[in-house]
PDB file of N, CA and C in Angstrom:
ATOM      1  N   MET A   1       0.681  -1.344  -0.083  1.00  0.00           N
ATOM      2  CA  MET A   1       0.144  -0.231  -0.234  1.00  0.00           C
ATOM      3  C   MET A   1       0.930   1.284   0.090  1.00  0.00           C
ATOM      4  N   PRO A   2       1.594   1.164   0.688  1.00  0.00           N
ATOM      5  CA  PRO A   2       2.653   2.456   0.542  1.00  0.00           C
ATOM      6  C   PRO A   2       3.501   2.543  -0.433  1.00  0.00           C
ATOM      7  N   GLN A   3       3.604   1.628  -1.581  1.00  0.00           N
ATOM      8  CA  GLN A   3       4.326   1.852  -2.429  1.00  0.00           C
ATOM      9  C   GLN A   3       3.212   2.360  -3.374  1.00  0.00           C
ATOM     10  N   ASP A   4       1.972   2.193  -3.791  1.00  0.00           N
ATOM     11  CA  ASP A   4       1.115   2.962  -4.492  1.00  0.00           C
ATOM     12  C   ASP A   4       1.059   4.424  -4.137  1.00  0.00           C
ATOM     13  N   LEU A   5       1.304   4.876  -2.926  1.00  0.00           N
ATOM     14  CA  LEU A   5       1.064   6.622  -2.856  1.00  0.00           C
ATOM     15  C   LEU A   5       2.460   7.311  -2.960  1.00  0.00           C
ATOM     16  N   SER A   6       3.150   5.902  -2.914  1.00  0.00           N
ATOM     17  CA  SER A   6       5.259   6.703  -3.632  1.00  0.00           C
ATOM     18  C   SER A   6       4.702   7.056  -4.965  1.00  0.00           C
ATOM     19  N   VAL A   7       4.161   5.950  -5.966  1.00  0.00           N
ATOM     20  CA  VAL A   7       4.500   6.113  -7.544  1.00  0.00           C
ATOM     21  C   VAL A   7       3.430   7.075  -7.971  1.00  0.00           C
ATOM     22  N   MET A   8       2.083   7.631  -6.892  1.00  0.00           N
ATOM     23  CA  MET A   8       0.620   8.359  -7.571  1.00  0.00           C
ATOM     24  C   MET A   8       1.416  10.041  -6.777  1.00  0.00           C
ATOM     25  N   ALA A   9       2.451  10.458  -5.715  1.00  0.00           N
ATOM     26  CA  ALA A   9       2.705  11.291  -6.048  1.00  0.00           C
ATOM     27  C   ALA A   9       3.686  11.887  -6.720  1.00  0.00           C
ATOM     28  N   PHE A  10       4.418  10.703  -7.782  1.00  0.00           N
ATOM     29  CA  PHE A  10       5.139  11.606  -9.419  1.00  0.00           C
ATOM     30  C   PHE A  10       4.203  12.185  -9.912  1.00  0.00           C
ATOM     31  N   ILE A  11       2.889  11.521 -10.080  1.00  0.00           N
ATOM     32  CA  ILE A  11       1.700  11.977 -11.208  1.00  0.00           C
ATOM     33  C   ILE A  11       1.221  12.858 -10.865  1.00  0.00           C
ATOM     34  N   SER A  12       1.100  14.384 -11.970  1.00  0.00           N
ATOM     35  CA  SER A  12       0.440  15.516 -11.613  1.00  0.00           C
ATOM     36  C   SER A  12      -0.038  16.004 -12.849  1.00  0.00           C
ATOM     37  N   MET A  13      -0.894  17.102 -12.829  1.00  0.00           N
ATOM     38  CA  MET A  13      -1.493  17.350 -14.306  1.00  0.00           C
ATOM     39  C   MET A  13      -0.222  18.115 -15.234  1.00  0.00           C
ATOM     40  N   PRO A  14      -0.542  17.424 -16.491  1.00  0.00           N
ATOM     41  CA  PRO A  14       0.333  17.763 -18.027  1.00  0.00           C
ATOM     42  C   PRO A  14       0.398  19.178 -17.692  1.00  0.00           C
ATOM     43  N   GLY A  15       1.783  19.257 -17.904  1.00  0.00           N
ATOM     44  CA  GLY A  15       2.038  20.645 -18.343  1.00  0.00           C
ATOM     45  C   GLY A  15       2.043  21.269 -19.648  1.00  0.00           C
ATOM     46  N   GLY A  16       2.411  22.280 -20.197  1.00  0.00           N
ATOM     47  CA  GLY A  16       2.288  23.064 -21.268  1.00  0.00           C
ATOM     48  C   GLY A  16       2.674  21.964 -22.741  1.00  0.00           C
ATOM     49  N   TRP A  17       3.905  21.578 -22.621  1.00  0.00           N
ATOM     50  CA  TRP A  17       4.072  20.735 -23.629  1.00  0.00           C
ATOM     51  C   TRP A  17       3.729  19.380 -23.832  1.00  0.00           C
ATOM     52  N   GLU A  18       3.086  19.131 -23.094  1.00  0.00           N
ATOM     53  CA  GLU A  18       2.394  17.740 -22.975  1.00  0.00           C
ATOM     54  C   GLU A  18       0.690  17.852 -22.978  1.00  0.00           C
ATOM     55  N   TRP A  19       0.193  19.657 -22.812  1.00  0.00           N
ATOM     56  CA  TRP A  19      -0.929  19.987 -23.345  1.00  0.00           C
ATOM     57  C   TRP A  19      -1.221  19.875 -25.108  1.00  0.00           C
ATOM     58  N   ILE A  20       0.377  20.386 -25.335  1.00  0.00           N
ATOM     59  CA  ILE A  20       0.338  20.628 -27.212  1.00  0.00           C
ATOM     60  C   ILE A  20      -0.108  19.241 -27.413  1.00  0.00           C
ATOM     61  N   ILE A  21       0.947  17.883 -27.004  1.00  0.00           N
ATOM     62  CA  ILE A  21       1.058  16.972 -27.623  1.00  0.00           C
ATOM     63  C   ILE A  21      -0.392  16.590 -27.676  1.00  0.00           C
ATOM     64  N   ILE A  22      -0.909  16.222 -26.455  1.00  0.00           N
ATOM     65  CA  ILE A  22      -2.579  15.497 -26.087  1.00  0.00           C
ATOM     66  C   ILE A  22      -3.170  16.356 -27.086  1.00  0.00           C
ATOM     67  N   GLY A  23      -3.435  17.608 -27.390  1.00  0.00           N
ATOM     68  CA  GLY A  23      -3.789  18.287 -28.547  1.00  0.00           C
ATOM     69  C   GLY A  23      -4.086  17.962 -30.426  1.00  0.00           C
ATOM     70  N   LEU A  24      -2.379  17.430 -29.909  1.00  0.00           N
ATOM     71  CA  LEU A  24      -2.128  17.410 -31.626  1.00  0.00           C
ATOM     72  C   LEU A  24      -2.160  15.959 -31.655  1.00  0.00           C
ATOM     73  N   PHE A  25      -2.726  15.167 -30.835  1.00  0.00           N
ATOM     74  CA  PHE A  25      -2.656  13.908 -30.794  1.00  0.00           C
ATOM     75  C   PHE A  25      -4.374  14.002 -30.769  1.00  0.00           C
ATOM     76  N   GLY A  26      -4.923  14.424 -30.417  1.00  0.00           N
ATOM     77  CA  GLY A  26      -6.942  14.217 -30.720  1.00  0.00           C
ATOM     78  C   GLY A  26      -6.624  15.544 -31.964  1.00  0.00           C
ATOM     79  N   LEU A  27      -6.015  15.934 -32.615  1.00  0.00           N
ATOM     80  CA  LEU A  27      -6.140  16.562 -34.220  1.00  0.00           C
ATOM     81  C   LEU A  27      -5.936  15.357 -35.250  1.00  0.00           C
ATOM     82  N   LEU A  28      -4.986  14.348 -34.453  1.00  0.00           N
ATOM     83  CA  LEU A  28      -4.818  13.201 -35.745  1.00  0.00           C
ATOM     84  C   LEU A  28      -6.146  12.097 -35.451  1.00  0.00           C
ATOM     85  N   LEU A  29      -6.343  12.248 -34.986  1.00  0.00           N
ATOM     86  CA  LEU A  29      -7.822  11.103 -33.954  1.00  0.00           C
ATOM     87  C   LEU A  29      -9.198  11.823 -34.811  1.00  0.00           C
ATOM     88  N   PHE A  30      -9.552  13.008 -34.459  1.00  0.00           N
ATOM     89  CA  PHE A  30     -10.513  13.424 -34.210  1.00  0.00           C
ATOM     90  C   PHE A  30     -10.719  14.640 -35.645  1.00  0.00           C
ATOM     91  N   GLY A  31      -9.276  14.920 -36.680  1.00  0.00           N
ATOM     92  CA  GLY A  31      -9.349  16.359 -37.659  1.00  0.00           C
ATOM     93  C   GLY A  31     -10.489  16.475 -38.174  1.00  0.00           C
ATOM     94  N   LYS A  32     -11.031  15.261 -39.290  1.00  0.00           N
ATOM     95  CA  LYS A  32     -11.863  15.479 -39.730  1.00  0.00           C
ATOM     96  C   LYS A  32     -13.474  15.681 -39.229  1.00  0.00           C
ATOM     97  N   ARG A  33     -13.614  15.445 -37.893  1.00  0.00           N
ATOM     98  CA  ARG A  33     -15.010  15.170 -37.195  1.00  0.00           C
ATOM     99  C   ARG A  33     -15.110  16.474 -36.437  1.00  0.00           C
ATOM    100  N   LEU A  34     -13.819  17.421 -36.152  1.00  0.00           N
ATOM    101  CA  LEU A  34     -13.550  18.617 -35.360  1.00  0.00           C
ATOM    102  C   LEU A  34     -14.999  19.599 -35.747  1.00  0.00           C
ATOM    103  N   PRO A  35     -14.400  20.671 -37.012  1.00  0.00           N
ATOM    104  CA  PRO A  35     -15.592  21.787 -37.373  1.00  0.00           C
ATOM    105  C   PRO A  35     -17.057  21.514 -36.887  1.00  0.00           C
ATOM    106  N   ASP A  36     -17.530  19.763 -37.368  1.00  0.00           N
ATOM    107  CA  ASP A  36     -18.897  19.465 -36.881  1.00  0.00           C
ATOM    108  C   ASP A  36     -19.065  19.097 -35.516  1.00  0.00           C
ATOM    109  N   VAL A  37     -17.996  19.069 -34.562  1.00  0.00           N
ATOM    110  CA  VAL A  37     -18.408  19.173 -33.760  1.00  0.00           C
ATOM    111  C   VAL A  37     -17.912  20.344 -32.432  1.00  0.00           C
ATOM    112  N   GLY A  38     -17.577  21.370 -33.559  1.00  0.00           N
ATOM    113  CA  GLY A  38     -17.759  22.392 -33.395  1.00  0.00           C
ATOM    114  C   GLY A  38     -18.512  23.539 -33.366  1.00  0.00           C
ATOM    115  N   LYS A  39     -19.416  22.717 -34.822  1.00  0.00           N
ATOM    116  CA  LYS A  39     -20.619  23.787 -34.895  1.00  0.00           C
ATOM    117  C   LYS A  39     -21.916  23.148 -33.481  1.00  0.00           C
ATOM    118  N   SER A  40     -22.190  21.951 -34.030  1.00  0.00           N
ATOM    119  CA  SER A  40     -23.147  21.064 -33.132  1.00  0.00           C
ATOM    120  C   SER A  40     -22.928  21.804 -31.258  1.00  0.00           C
ATOM    121  N   LEU A  41     -21.357  21.940 -30.564  1.00  0.00           N
ATOM    122  CA  LEU A  41     -21.553  22.474 -29.618  1.00  0.00           C
ATOM    123  C   LEU A  41     -22.025  24.096 -29.927  1.00  0.00           C
ATOM    124  N   GLY A  42     -21.395  25.010 -30.487  1.00  0.00           N
ATOM    125  CA  GLY A  42     -21.995  26.292 -30.850  1.00  0.00           C
ATOM    126  C   GLY A  42     -23.591  26.754 -30.741  1.00  0.00           C
ATOM    127  N   ARG A  43     -24.218  25.543 -31.546  1.00  0.00           N
ATOM    128  CA  ARG A  43     -25.465  25.305 -31.792  1.00  0.00           C
ATOM    129  C   ARG A  43     -26.258  24.947 -29.957  1.00  0.00           C
ATOM    130  N   SER A  44     -25.301  24.203 -29.444  1.00  0.00           N
ATOM    131  CA  SER A  44     -26.207  23.211 -28.373  1.00  0.00           C
ATOM    132  C   SER A  44     -25.460  25.000 -27.460  1.00  0.00           C
ATOM    133  N   ILE A  45     -24.997  25.598 -27.674  1.00  0.00           N
ATOM    134  CA  ILE A  45     -24.885  27.019 -26.494  1.00  0.00           C
ATOM    135  C   ILE A  45     -25.771  27.969 -26.788  1.00  0.00           C
ATOM    136  N   VAL A  46     -26.445  27.964 -28.438  1.00  0.00           N
ATOM    137  CA  VAL A  46     -27.008  29.127 -28.487  1.00  0.00           C
ATOM    138  C   VAL A  46     -28.295  28.198 -28.556  1.00  0.00           C
ATOM    139  N   GLU A  47     -28.642  27.713 -28.382  1.00  0.00           N
ATOM    140  CA  GLU A  47     -29.785  27.129 -27.582  1.00  0.00           C
ATOM    141  C   GLU A  47     -30.559  27.309 -26.191  1.00  0.00           C
ATOM    142  N   PHE A  48     -29.477  27.136 -25.808  1.00  0.00           N
ATOM    143  CA  PHE A  48     -28.901  26.706 -24.313  1.00  0.00           C
ATOM    144  C   PHE A  48     -29.152  28.431 -23.656  1.00  0.00           C
ATOM    145  N   LYS A  49     -28.927  29.484 -24.188  1.00  0.00           N
ATOM    146  CA  LYS A  49     -28.987  31.388 -24.024  1.00  0.00           C
ATOM    147  C   LYS A  49     -30.796  30.771 -24.422  1.00  0.00           C
ATOM    148  N   LYS A  50     -31.168  30.350 -25.252  1.00  0.00           N
ATOM    149  CA  LYS A  50     -32.404  30.451 -25.575  1.00  0.00           C
ATOM    150  C   LYS A  50     -33.364  30.184 -24.753  1.00  0.00           C
ATOM    151  N   GLY A  51     -33.198  29.082 -24.322  1.00  0.00           N
ATOM    152  CA  GLY A  51     -33.571  28.713 -22.892  1.00  0.00           C
ATOM    153  C   GLY A  51     -33.747  29.472 -21.718  1.00  0.00           C
ATOM    154  N   LEU A  52     -32.911  30.145 -21.045  1.00  0.00           N
ATOM    155  CA  LEU A  52     -32.359  31.218 -20.497  1.00  0.00           C
ATOM    156  C   LEU A  52     -33.340  32.107 -20.412  1.00  0.00           C
ATOM    157  N   LYS A  53     -33.227  32.504 -21.671  1.00  0.00           N
ATOM    158  CA  LYS A  53     -33.975  33.848 -22.202  1.00  0.00           C
ATOM    159  C   LYS A  53     -35.607  33.679 -21.526  1.00  0.00           C
ATOM    160  N   GLY A  54     -35.984  32.107 -22.035  1.00  0.00           N
ATOM    161  CA  GLY A  54     -36.800  32.068 -21.784  1.00  0.00           C
ATOM    162  C   GLY A  54     -37.484  31.758 -20.324  1.00  0.00           C
ATOM    163  N   VAL A  55     -37.075  31.279 -19.720  1.00  0.00           N
ATOM    164  CA  VAL A  55     -37.174  31.151 -18.409  1.00  0.00           C
ATOM    165  C   VAL A  55     -37.136  32.724 -17.461  1.00  0.00           C
ATOM    166  N   GLU A  56     -36.137  33.478 -18.058  1.00  0.00           N
ATOM    167  CA  GLU A  56     -36.315  34.793 -17.566  1.00  0.00           C
ATOM    168  C   GLU A  56     -37.520  35.527 -18.073  1.00  0.00           C
ATOM    169  N   GLU A  57     -38.214  35.428 -18.552  1.00  0.00           N
ATOM    170  CA  GLU A  57     -38.987  35.821 -19.559  1.00  0.00           C
ATOM    171  C   GLU A  57     -40.066  35.550 -18.589  1.00  0.00           C
ATOM    172  N   GLU A  58     -40.337  34.211 -18.350  1.00  0.00           N
ATOM    173  CA  GLU A  58     -41.020  33.903 -17.608  1.00  0.00           C
ATOM    174  C   GLU A  58     -41.658  33.650 -16.065  1.00  0.00           C
ATOM    175  N   ILE A  59     -40.234  33.807 -15.850  1.00  0.00           N
ATOM    176  CA  ILE A  59     -40.177  35.121 -14.536  1.00  0.00           C
ATOM    177  C   ILE A  59     -40.934  35.922 -14.093  1.00  0.00           C
ATOM    178  N   ASN A  60     -40.286  36.901 -15.093  1.00  0.00           N
ATOM    179  CA  ASN A  60     -40.122  38.268 -15.503  1.00  0.00           C
ATOM    180  C   ASN A  60     -41.988  38.707 -15.261  1.00  0.00           C
ATOM    181  N   THR A  61     -42.355  38.049 -16.263  1.00  0.00           N
ATOM    182  CA  THR A  61     -43.827  37.964 -16.681  1.00  0.00           C
ATOM    183  C   THR A  61     -45.206  37.703 -15.375  1.00  0.00           C
ATOM    184  N   ALA A  62     -44.109  36.525 -14.775  1.00  0.00           N
ATOM    185  CA  ALA A  62     -45.135  36.279 -13.237  1.00  0.00           C
ATOM    186  C   ALA A  62     -45.045  36.858 -11.642  1.00  0.00           C
ATOM    187  N   VAL A  63     -43.767  37.757 -12.029  1.00  0.00           N
ATOM    188  CA  VAL A  63     -43.952  38.494 -10.917  1.00  0.00           C
ATOM    189  C   VAL A  63     -44.346  40.244 -10.926  1.00  0.00           C
ATOM    190  N   GLU A  64     -44.621  40.641 -12.596  1.00  0.00           N
ATOM    191  CA  GLU A  64     -45.524  41.694 -12.629  1.00  0.00           C
ATOM    192  C   GLU A  64     -46.518  41.367 -12.781  1.00  0.00           C
ATOM    193  N   SER A  65     -46.675  40.124 -12.954  1.00  0.00           N
ATOM    194  CA  SER A  65     -48.841  39.852 -12.935  1.00  0.00           C
ATOM    195  C   SER A  65     -49.005  39.690 -11.612  1.00  0.00           C
ATOM    196  N   ASP A  66     -47.855  39.515 -10.470  1.00  0.00           N
ATOM    197  CA  ASP A  66     -48.482  39.069  -8.962  1.00  0.00           C
ATOM    198  C   ASP A  66     -48.437  40.780  -8.196  1.00  0.00           C
ATOM    199  N   ASN A  67     -47.273  41.517  -8.753  1.00  0.00           N
ATOM    200  CA  ASN A  67     -47.086  43.146  -8.490  1.00  0.00           C
ATOM    201  C   ASN A  67     -48.813  44.025  -8.543  1.00  0.00           C
ATOM    202  N   LYS A  68     -49.147  43.407  -9.944  1.00  0.00           N
ATOM    203  CA  LYS A  68     -50.325  43.899 -10.861  1.00  0.00           C
ATOM    204  C   LYS A  68     -51.415  43.842  -9.694  1.00  0.00           C
ATOM    205  N   ASP A  69     -51.767  42.366  -9.450  1.00  0.00           N
ATOM    206  CA  ASP A  69     -52.690  41.618  -8.323  1.00  0.00           C
ATOM    207  C   ASP A  69     -52.527  42.207  -7.198  1.00  0.00           C
ATOM    208  N   MET A  70     -51.666  42.845  -6.760  1.00  0.00           N
ATOM    209  CA  MET A  70     -51.507  43.391  -5.152  1.00  0.00           C
ATOM    210  C   MET A  70     -52.138  44.886  -4.776  1.00  0.00           C
ATOM    211  N   LEU A  71     -52.970  45.158  -4.108  1.00  0.00           N
ATOM    212  CA  LEU A  71     -53.032  46.224  -3.910  1.00  0.00           C
ATOM    213  C   LEU A  71     -52.285  47.558  -3.442  1.00  0.00           C
ATOM    214  N   PRO A  72     -52.735  48.922  -3.538  1.00  0.00           N
ATOM    215  CA  PRO A  72     -51.499  49.803  -3.720  1.00  0.00           C
ATOM    216  C   PRO A  72     -51.001  49.971  -2.134  1.00  0.00           C
ATOM    217  N   PRO A  73     -50.196  50.988  -1.624  1.00  0.00           N
ATOM    218  CA  PRO A  73     -50.026  50.887  -0.168  1.00  0.00           C
ATOM    219  C   PRO A  73     -50.570  52.313  -0.034  1.00  0.00           C
ATOM    220  N   PRO A  74     -51.331  51.844   1.132  1.00  0.00           N
ATOM    221  CA  PRO A  74     -52.893  53.545   1.759  1.00  0.00           C
ATOM    222  C   PRO A  74     -51.295  54.222   1.534  1.00  0.00           C
ATOM    223  N   ASN A  75     -52.102  55.572   1.351  1.00  0.00           N
ATOM    224  CA  ASN A  75     -51.618  57.074   1.448  1.00  0.00           C
ATOM    225  C   ASN A  75     -51.254  57.537   2.852  1.00  0.00           C
ATOM    226  N   SER A  76     -50.588  58.176   2.469  1.00  0.00           N
ATOM    227  CA  SER A  76     -49.750  58.281   4.094  1.00  0.00           C
ATOM    228  C   SER A  76     -51.159  59.498   5.041  1.00  0.00           C
ATOM    229  N   SER A  77     -52.138  60.188   4.025  1.00  0.00           N
ATOM    230  CA  SER A  77     -53.031  61.184   4.924  1.00  0.00           C
ATOM    231  C   SER A  77     -54.342  60.365   5.281  1.00  0.00           C
ATOM    232  N   GLU A  78     -54.158  59.322   4.948  1.00  0.00           N
ATOM    233  CA  GLU A  78     -55.576  58.049   4.717  1.00  0.00           C
ATOM    234  C   GLU A  78     -55.134  57.060   6.198  1.00  0.00           C
ATOM    235  N   SER A  79     -53.977  57.372   5.900  1.00  0.00           N
ATOM    236  CA  SER A  79     -53.656  56.338   7.385  1.00  0.00           C
ATOM    237  C   SER A  79     -53.469  57.324   8.795  1.00  0.00           C
ATOM    238  N   ALA A  80     -53.078  58.687   8.398  1.00  0.00           N
ATOM    239  CA  ALA A  80     -53.351  59.618   9.506  1.00  0.00           C
ATOM    240  C   ALA A  80     -54.623  59.529  10.359  1.00  0.00           C
ATOM    241  N   GLU A  81     -55.513  59.847   9.024  1.00  0.00           N
ATOM    242  CA  GLU A  81     -56.943  59.558   8.867  1.00  0.00           C
ATOM    243  C   GLU A  81     -57.094  58.710   9.609  1.00  0.00           C
ATOM    244  N   ASN A  82     -57.181  57.641   9.696  1.00  0.00           N
ATOM    245  CA  ASN A  82     -57.344  56.642  10.460  1.00  0.00           C
ATOM    246  C   ASN A  82     -57.702  56.634  11.467  1.00  0.00           C
ATOM    247  N   LYS A  83     -55.721  56.441  12.003  1.00  0.00           N
ATOM    248  CA  LYS A  83     -55.556  56.552  13.263  1.00  0.00           C
ATOM    249  C   LYS A  83     -56.145  58.083  13.902  1.00  0.00           C
ATOM    250  N   GLU A  84     -56.463  58.665  13.220  1.00  0.00           N
ATOM    251  CA  GLU A  84     -57.440  59.916  14.136  1.00  0.00           C
ATOM    252  C   GLU A  84     -58.767  59.029  15.250  1.00  0.00           C
ATOM    253  N   LYS A  85     -59.277  58.208  13.587  1.00  0.00           N
ATOM    254  CA  LYS A  85     -60.416  57.984  13.883  1.00  0.00           C
ATOM    255  C   LYS A  85     -60.580  56.817  15.306  1.00  0.00           C
ATOM    256  N   GLU A  86     -59.706  55.825  14.683  1.00  0.00           N
ATOM    257  CA  GLU A  86     -59.406  54.678  16.103  1.00  0.00           C
ATOM    258  C   GLU A  86     -59.300  55.148  17.292  1.00  0.00           C
ATOM    259  N   THR A  87     -58.389  56.858  17.513  1.00  0.00           N
ATOM    260  CA  THR A  87     -58.307  57.563  18.880  1.00  0.00           C
ATOM    261  C   THR A  87     -59.404  57.699  19.815  1.00  0.00           C
ATOM    262  N   ALA A  88     -60.220  58.094  18.486  1.00  0.00           N
ATOM    263  CA  ALA A  88     -62.010  59.046  18.877  1.00  0.00           C
ATOM    264  C   ALA A  88     -62.669  57.947  19.225  1.00  0.00           C
ATOM    265  N   HIS A  89     -62.703  56.532  18.576  1.00  0.00           N
ATOM    266  CA  HIS A  89     -63.645  55.554  18.901  1.00  0.00           C
ATOM    267  C   HIS A  89     -63.626  54.832  20.593  1.00  0.00           C
ATOM    268  N   LYS A  90     -61.741  55.197  20.881  1.00  0.00           N
ATOM    269  CA  LYS A  90     -61.122  54.771  21.812  1.00  0.00           C
ATOM    270  C   LYS A  90     -61.970  55.236  22.983  1.00  0.00           C
ATOM    271  N   ASP A  91     -61.850  57.044  22.547  1.00  0.00           N
ATOM    272  CA  ASP A  91     -61.813  57.590  23.859  1.00  0.00           C
ATOM    273  C   ASP A  91     -63.455  57.476  24.132  1.00  0.00           C
TER     274      ASP A  91
END
């Protein structure tokens, strides 16, 4: 078991040149399909953004309709009159 840990200590993330070699290897394997993959990735990002906009619009319309249904706050002059009436009724 301790030997496994010492071997794992020497494995790390690839550096700059290793990423270049991995990229070239990937280009050789998937070279003809990369443009198609890029197009489909771009389309999926656009569709995802459209979906987010749709959700945002639904939330905004729901909030606006809730705000329209709510009663407006009472005017300060009306609340002062109501307070005077309440104190007069208590006496």
